[in-house]
């Protein structure tokens, strides 16, 4: 069966207002629907390998890489796109499942560019599932919402209480060099997490509408223009100490304002980042990943090359 038919427009009511007919290629047309479905497991040699994959253009996956001798069992994955960016009416669905104590790091080939829209909205639904004793870092590059763009992302996490996930988001104000500073219509990020028994670990909605909000107000972004969020889901008995380690490491970061908090029931940690340079926020994300990786698997984090 063609998996394209499994994508439906079940997004929130706030985004339905943008669900109009597109005069160009409509929703569901060839090239408008991207699918990426992955399963990762450890093989008999202890190396994490891709045991199932399905993709539909424009989404694609590069072959798994194993660049570091200090951590040969961890698979490094690049999500690729044959498109220059996300257009109105695009519907993407990404599903990643880790089993059998697998370890993986996944990122994107570059920034996610959301092009301007006049009739519809772009939607990306993501599902990440970790079985017991798995370790996964999902650290995509920044999202760049262009003038008049509309983007809705729904992240559904199912993370075992004894596994670890590091997931980051970075949102920029737009194409600053083109004079597009907070000129997009809406960027809506919905993130939820349940454990292996279906119990809620956290739920968070973030909706930014620059044309209807004063983004520079205190309590929103203030004097900053770029914001990031890192979610760390890990074992309860390590959460408090891990938060202190992250907080101490983040205290003196140059040009970045950082805040940390534990999730209800000590099920994880949320880290907020504010700054005016994407590379500074990205460096802070890597610092958090390094702290978590050292604590959980005893190996330092090494930033992956993208060139």
Protein backbone atom coordinates (compact mmCIF):
# COMPACT_ATOMS: atom_id res chain seq x y z
CA UNK A 1 0.00 0.00 0.00
CA UNK A 2 1.22 3.48 -0.79
CA UNK A 3 1.94 5.09 2.58
CA UNK A 4 1.04 8.55 1.26
CA UNK A 5 -2.60 7.78 1.99
CA UNK A 6 -1.83 7.52 5.71
CA UNK A 7 -1.23 11.28 6.01
CA UNK A 8 -4.34 13.26 6.88
CA UNK A 9 -4.97 16.88 7.82
CA UNK A 10 -5.80 16.27 11.49
CA UNK A 11 -4.08 19.43 12.69
CA UNK A 12 -5.29 21.84 15.34
CA UNK A 13 -8.18 24.23 14.85
CA UNK A 14 -5.88 27.29 14.97
CA UNK A 15 -4.25 26.14 11.72
CA UNK A 16 -7.46 25.13 9.91
CA UNK A 17 -8.01 28.76 8.90
CA UNK A 18 -5.10 28.40 6.46
CA UNK A 19 -6.34 25.17 4.86
CA UNK A 20 -7.48 26.69 1.55
CA UNK A 21 -7.28 25.38 -2.00
CA UNK A 22 -3.88 25.85 -3.64
CA UNK A 23 -3.82 27.27 -7.20
CA UNK A 24 -0.58 25.39 -7.95
CA UNK A 25 0.09 21.76 -6.96
CA UNK A 26 -2.49 20.79 -4.36
CA UNK A 27 -2.19 18.81 -1.14
CA UNK A 28 -1.33 15.17 -1.86
CA UNK A 29 0.10 15.75 -5.32
CA UNK A 30 3.37 14.10 -6.31
CA UNK A 31 6.27 15.78 -4.52
CA UNK A 32 3.98 17.43 -1.95
CA UNK A 33 3.93 14.54 0.49
CA UNK A 34 7.16 13.34 2.10
CA UNK A 35 7.43 10.10 4.07
CA UNK A 36 10.33 8.79 6.12
CA UNK A 37 9.81 5.63 8.19
CA UNK A 38 12.79 4.08 10.02
CA UNK A 39 13.53 1.31 12.46
CA UNK A 40 16.92 0.93 14.15
CA UNK A 41 18.25 -2.05 16.08
CA UNK A 42 21.60 -3.41 17.25
CA UNK A 43 22.92 -6.28 15.16
CA UNK A 44 24.84 -9.36 16.34
CA UNK A 45 28.07 -7.31 16.42
CA UNK A 46 26.57 -4.64 18.68
CA UNK A 47 26.36 -2.00 15.95
CA UNK A 48 23.14 -0.02 15.49
CA UNK A 49 21.82 -0.55 11.97
CA UNK A 50 18.75 0.44 9.97
CA UNK A 51 16.49 -2.62 9.95
CA UNK A 52 13.54 -1.01 8.17
CA UNK A 53 13.26 2.05 5.99
CA UNK A 54 10.69 3.54 3.67
CA UNK A 55 10.88 6.99 2.14
CA UNK A 56 8.87 9.00 -0.33
CA UNK A 57 10.34 12.08 -2.01
CA UNK A 58 11.18 14.75 -1.13
CA UNK A 59 12.36 13.10 2.12
CA UNK A 60 15.33 10.77 1.95
CA UNK A 61 17.89 9.15 4.27
CA UNK A 62 21.62 8.92 3.79
CA UNK A 63 23.31 5.60 4.58
CA UNK A 64 24.15 5.26 8.27
CA UNK A 65 27.64 6.46 9.16
CA UNK A 66 29.97 5.31 11.94
CA UNK A 67 32.58 8.07 12.10
CA UNK A 68 33.95 7.67 15.63
CA UNK A 69 36.08 4.81 16.92
CA UNK A 70 35.25 5.81 20.49
CA UNK A 71 31.58 4.96 19.85
CA UNK A 72 31.45 2.43 16.98
CA UNK A 73 28.01 1.15 17.96
CA UNK A 74 26.29 4.51 17.39
CA UNK A 75 24.71 5.17 13.98
CA UNK A 76 24.85 8.73 12.59
CA UNK A 77 21.97 9.57 10.26
CA UNK A 78 21.33 12.52 7.93
CA UNK A 79 17.79 13.35 6.83
CA UNK A 80 18.00 14.71 3.28
CA UNK A 81 15.49 16.54 1.11
CA UNK A 82 15.34 16.81 -2.66
CA UNK A 83 13.41 20.05 -2.23
CA UNK A 84 14.95 23.46 -1.55
CA UNK A 85 12.48 24.01 1.26
CA UNK A 86 8.94 23.42 2.50
CA UNK A 87 6.08 24.92 0.44
CA UNK A 88 2.41 25.54 1.06
CA UNK A 89 0.41 22.34 0.95
CA UNK A 90 3.41 20.17 1.81
CA UNK A 91 2.63 17.31 4.17
CA UNK A 92 5.59 15.49 5.73
CA UNK A 93 5.56 12.51 8.07
CA UNK A 94 8.69 11.17 9.80
CA UNK A 95 8.66 8.08 12.03
CA UNK A 96 11.72 6.73 13.86
CA UNK A 97 11.75 3.65 16.11
CA UNK A 98 14.73 2.45 18.18
CA UNK A 99 14.81 -1.07 19.59
CA UNK A 100 17.21 -3.58 21.15
CA UNK A 101 19.40 -1.10 23.07
CA UNK A 102 20.29 0.87 19.94
CA UNK A 103 22.18 4.17 19.94
CA UNK A 104 21.80 6.81 17.23
CA UNK A 105 22.32 10.46 16.38
CA UNK A 106 20.09 12.01 13.73
CA UNK A 107 20.21 15.46 12.15
CA UNK A 108 19.20 17.27 8.97
CA UNK A 109 21.39 18.15 6.01
CA UNK A 110 20.84 21.85 6.74
CA UNK A 111 18.30 24.40 7.86
CA UNK A 112 14.58 23.81 7.31
CA UNK A 113 13.38 26.66 5.10
CA UNK A 114 9.66 27.44 5.16
CA UNK A 115 8.69 29.40 2.04
CA UNK A 116 6.05 32.12 1.86
CA UNK A 117 2.44 31.01 1.47
CA UNK A 118 -0.78 32.58 0.21
CA UNK A 119 -3.36 29.77 0.29
CA UNK A 120 -2.39 26.97 2.65
CA UNK A 121 -0.04 25.73 5.36
CA UNK A 122 2.89 23.29 5.63
CA UNK A 123 2.59 20.41 8.12
CA UNK A 124 5.19 18.03 9.50
CA UNK A 125 4.13 15.17 11.77
CA UNK A 126 6.91 13.33 13.58
CA UNK A 127 6.79 10.15 15.67
CA UNK A 128 9.76 8.97 17.73
CA UNK A 129 9.62 5.76 19.77
CA UNK A 130 12.36 4.39 22.03
CA UNK A 131 12.20 0.94 23.58
CA UNK A 132 14.01 0.11 26.83
CA UNK A 133 17.71 1.03 27.18
CA UNK A 134 17.94 2.97 23.91
CA UNK A 135 19.76 6.27 23.40
CA UNK A 136 18.81 8.78 20.71
CA UNK A 137 19.88 12.33 19.83
CA UNK A 138 17.67 14.17 17.35
CA UNK A 139 19.27 17.56 16.71
CA UNK A 140 18.01 19.14 13.47
CA UNK A 141 19.38 22.42 12.15
CA UNK A 142 17.39 25.62 12.61
CA UNK A 143 13.96 26.40 11.19
CA UNK A 144 13.87 29.54 9.00
CA UNK A 145 10.31 30.83 8.43
CA UNK A 146 10.22 33.10 5.37
CA UNK A 147 7.90 36.08 4.93
CA UNK A 148 4.19 35.03 5.03
CA UNK A 149 5.02 31.40 5.83
CA UNK A 150 2.83 29.10 7.91
CA UNK A 151 4.22 26.01 9.59
CA UNK A 152 2.69 23.44 11.91
CA UNK A 153 4.81 20.71 13.48
CA UNK A 154 3.47 17.92 15.66
CA UNK A 155 6.03 15.85 17.56
CA UNK A 156 4.71 12.65 19.17
CA UNK A 157 7.21 10.97 21.48
CA UNK A 158 6.93 7.55 23.09
CA UNK A 159 10.01 7.16 25.28
CA UNK A 160 10.61 4.26 27.67
CA UNK A 161 11.32 5.36 31.24
CA UNK A 162 14.74 3.67 31.06
CA UNK A 163 15.81 5.20 27.74
CA UNK A 164 17.28 8.60 26.88
CA UNK A 165 16.27 11.14 24.23
CA UNK A 166 17.90 14.50 23.48
CA UNK A 167 15.69 16.53 21.12
CA UNK A 168 16.29 20.15 20.13
CA UNK A 169 14.46 22.87 18.20
CA UNK A 170 15.89 26.20 17.01
CA UNK A 171 13.61 28.87 15.53
CA UNK A 172 15.09 31.89 13.75
CA UNK A 173 13.23 35.15 12.95
CA UNK A 174 13.45 34.57 9.18
CA UNK A 175 15.82 35.65 6.42
CA UNK A 176 17.44 38.47 8.33
CA UNK A 177 19.82 39.35 5.47
CA UNK A 178 16.75 39.90 3.26
CA UNK A 179 15.14 42.19 5.82
CA UNK A 180 12.59 39.55 6.84
CA UNK A 181 12.51 39.83 10.62
CA UNK A 182 9.46 38.11 12.15
CA UNK A 183 7.35 38.52 9.04
CA UNK A 184 5.91 35.00 8.95
CA UNK A 185 2.25 34.29 9.73
CA UNK A 186 2.51 31.44 12.21
CA UNK A 187 4.94 28.85 13.57
CA UNK A 188 3.10 26.31 15.70
CA UNK A 189 5.07 23.57 17.49
CA UNK A 190 3.14 20.90 19.39
CA UNK A 191 5.16 18.36 21.38
CA UNK A 192 3.88 15.51 23.54
CA UNK A 193 5.54 12.55 25.23
CA UNK A 194 4.26 9.32 26.74
CA UNK A 195 6.12 6.44 28.32
CA UNK A 196 5.91 2.73 27.42
CA UNK A 197 2.67 2.40 29.40
CA UNK A 198 1.01 5.33 27.66
CA UNK A 199 1.33 7.69 30.65
CA UNK A 200 1.90 11.36 29.81
CA UNK A 201 5.41 12.60 30.57
CA UNK A 202 4.88 16.12 29.20
CA UNK A 203 2.79 18.12 26.76
CA UNK A 204 3.73 21.50 25.32
CA UNK A 205 2.28 23.83 22.71
CA UNK A 206 4.10 26.84 21.31
CA UNK A 207 2.44 29.19 18.84
CA UNK A 208 4.25 32.26 17.52
CA UNK A 209 2.25 34.73 15.42
CA UNK A 210 4.54 37.74 14.90
CA UNK A 211 1.92 39.76 13.03
CA UNK A 212 -0.46 39.49 15.99
CA UNK A 213 2.08 39.66 18.84
CA UNK A 214 4.78 42.02 20.00
CA UNK A 215 7.62 39.51 19.91
CA UNK A 216 9.99 41.90 21.68
CA UNK A 217 7.83 42.12 24.80
CA UNK A 218 9.33 41.01 28.07
CA UNK A 219 8.09 37.48 28.64
CA UNK A 220 8.33 36.55 24.97
CA UNK A 221 11.74 37.20 23.38
CA UNK A 222 12.66 40.62 24.72
CA UNK A 223 15.91 41.82 23.12
CA UNK A 224 16.59 38.43 21.51
CA UNK A 225 15.57 37.12 18.10
CA UNK A 226 16.46 33.41 18.11
CA UNK A 227 15.13 30.86 20.54
CA UNK A 228 15.77 27.21 21.11
CA UNK A 229 14.37 24.41 23.20
CA UNK A 230 16.03 21.18 24.26
CA UNK A 231 14.09 18.28 25.76
CA UNK A 232 16.04 15.67 27.68
CA UNK A 233 14.08 12.53 28.58
CA UNK A 234 16.01 10.08 30.73
CA UNK A 235 15.81 7.93 33.87
CA UNK A 236 14.21 9.65 36.87
CA UNK A 237 17.05 8.90 39.25
CA UNK A 238 19.51 10.95 37.17
CA UNK A 239 17.32 13.94 36.29
CA UNK A 240 18.08 16.21 39.26
CA UNK A 241 21.84 15.78 39.14
CA UNK A 242 21.88 16.05 35.35
CA UNK A 243 19.94 19.32 35.48
CA UNK A 244 22.50 20.76 37.91
CA UNK A 245 25.34 19.70 35.60
CA UNK A 246 23.64 21.33 32.61
CA UNK A 247 22.84 24.49 34.59
CA UNK A 248 26.44 24.85 35.79
CA UNK A 249 27.81 24.34 32.30
CA UNK A 250 25.41 26.89 30.81
CA UNK A 251 26.07 29.66 33.35
CA UNK A 252 28.74 31.54 31.45
CA UNK A 253 27.83 30.87 27.83
CA UNK A 254 28.66 33.93 25.67
CA UNK A 255 25.68 35.75 24.12
CA UNK A 256 23.13 33.12 25.17
CA UNK A 257 20.49 33.34 27.90
CA UNK A 258 19.67 29.90 29.34
CA UNK A 259 17.02 28.54 31.67
CA UNK A 260 16.50 24.96 32.83
CA UNK A 261 13.65 23.20 34.60
CA UNK A 262 12.69 19.65 35.48
CA UNK A 263 9.50 18.13 34.10
CA UNK A 264 6.68 17.02 36.42
CA UNK A 265 7.61 13.85 38.28
CA UNK A 266 11.30 14.26 37.35
CA UNK A 267 10.64 12.56 34.00
CA UNK A 268 13.00 14.87 32.12
CA UNK A 269 14.54 18.31 31.67
CA UNK A 270 13.54 21.31 29.55
CA UNK A 271 16.22 23.81 28.53
CA UNK A 272 15.30 27.19 26.99
CA UNK A 273 17.81 29.21 24.98
CA UNK A 274 17.67 32.83 23.76
CA UNK A 275 20.25 34.58 21.60
CA UNK A 276 20.90 36.62 18.48
CA UNK A 277 23.29 34.27 16.67
CA UNK A 278 22.26 30.84 15.43
CA UNK A 279 25.75 29.41 15.86
CA UNK A 280 25.77 30.37 19.55
CA UNK A 281 22.46 28.59 20.14
CA UNK A 282 23.69 25.57 18.19
CA UNK A 283 26.87 25.44 20.29
CA UNK A 284 24.75 25.48 23.45
CA UNK A 285 22.67 22.56 22.12
CA UNK A 286 25.90 20.62 21.54
CA UNK A 287 27.07 21.44 25.07
CA UNK A 288 23.85 19.98 26.49
CA UNK A 289 24.20 16.88 24.31
CA UNK A 290 27.78 16.47 25.52
CA UNK A 291 26.72 16.71 29.18
CA UNK A 292 23.94 14.15 28.71
CA UNK A 293 26.05 11.75 26.68
CA UNK A 294 28.89 11.79 29.21
CA UNK A 295 26.44 11.13 32.04
CA UNK A 296 24.44 8.36 30.31
CA UNK A 297 26.96 6.46 28.20
CA UNK A 298 30.30 7.84 29.40
CA UNK A 299 31.48 9.13 26.01
CA UNK A 300 31.93 12.83 25.02
CA UNK A 301 29.83 14.34 22.24
CA UNK A 302 31.54 15.20 18.96
CA UNK A 303 29.82 17.66 16.64
CA UNK A 304 29.10 16.13 13.24
CA UNK A 305 30.43 17.84 10.11
CA UNK A 306 28.05 19.30 7.53
CA UNK A 307 30.01 20.39 4.50
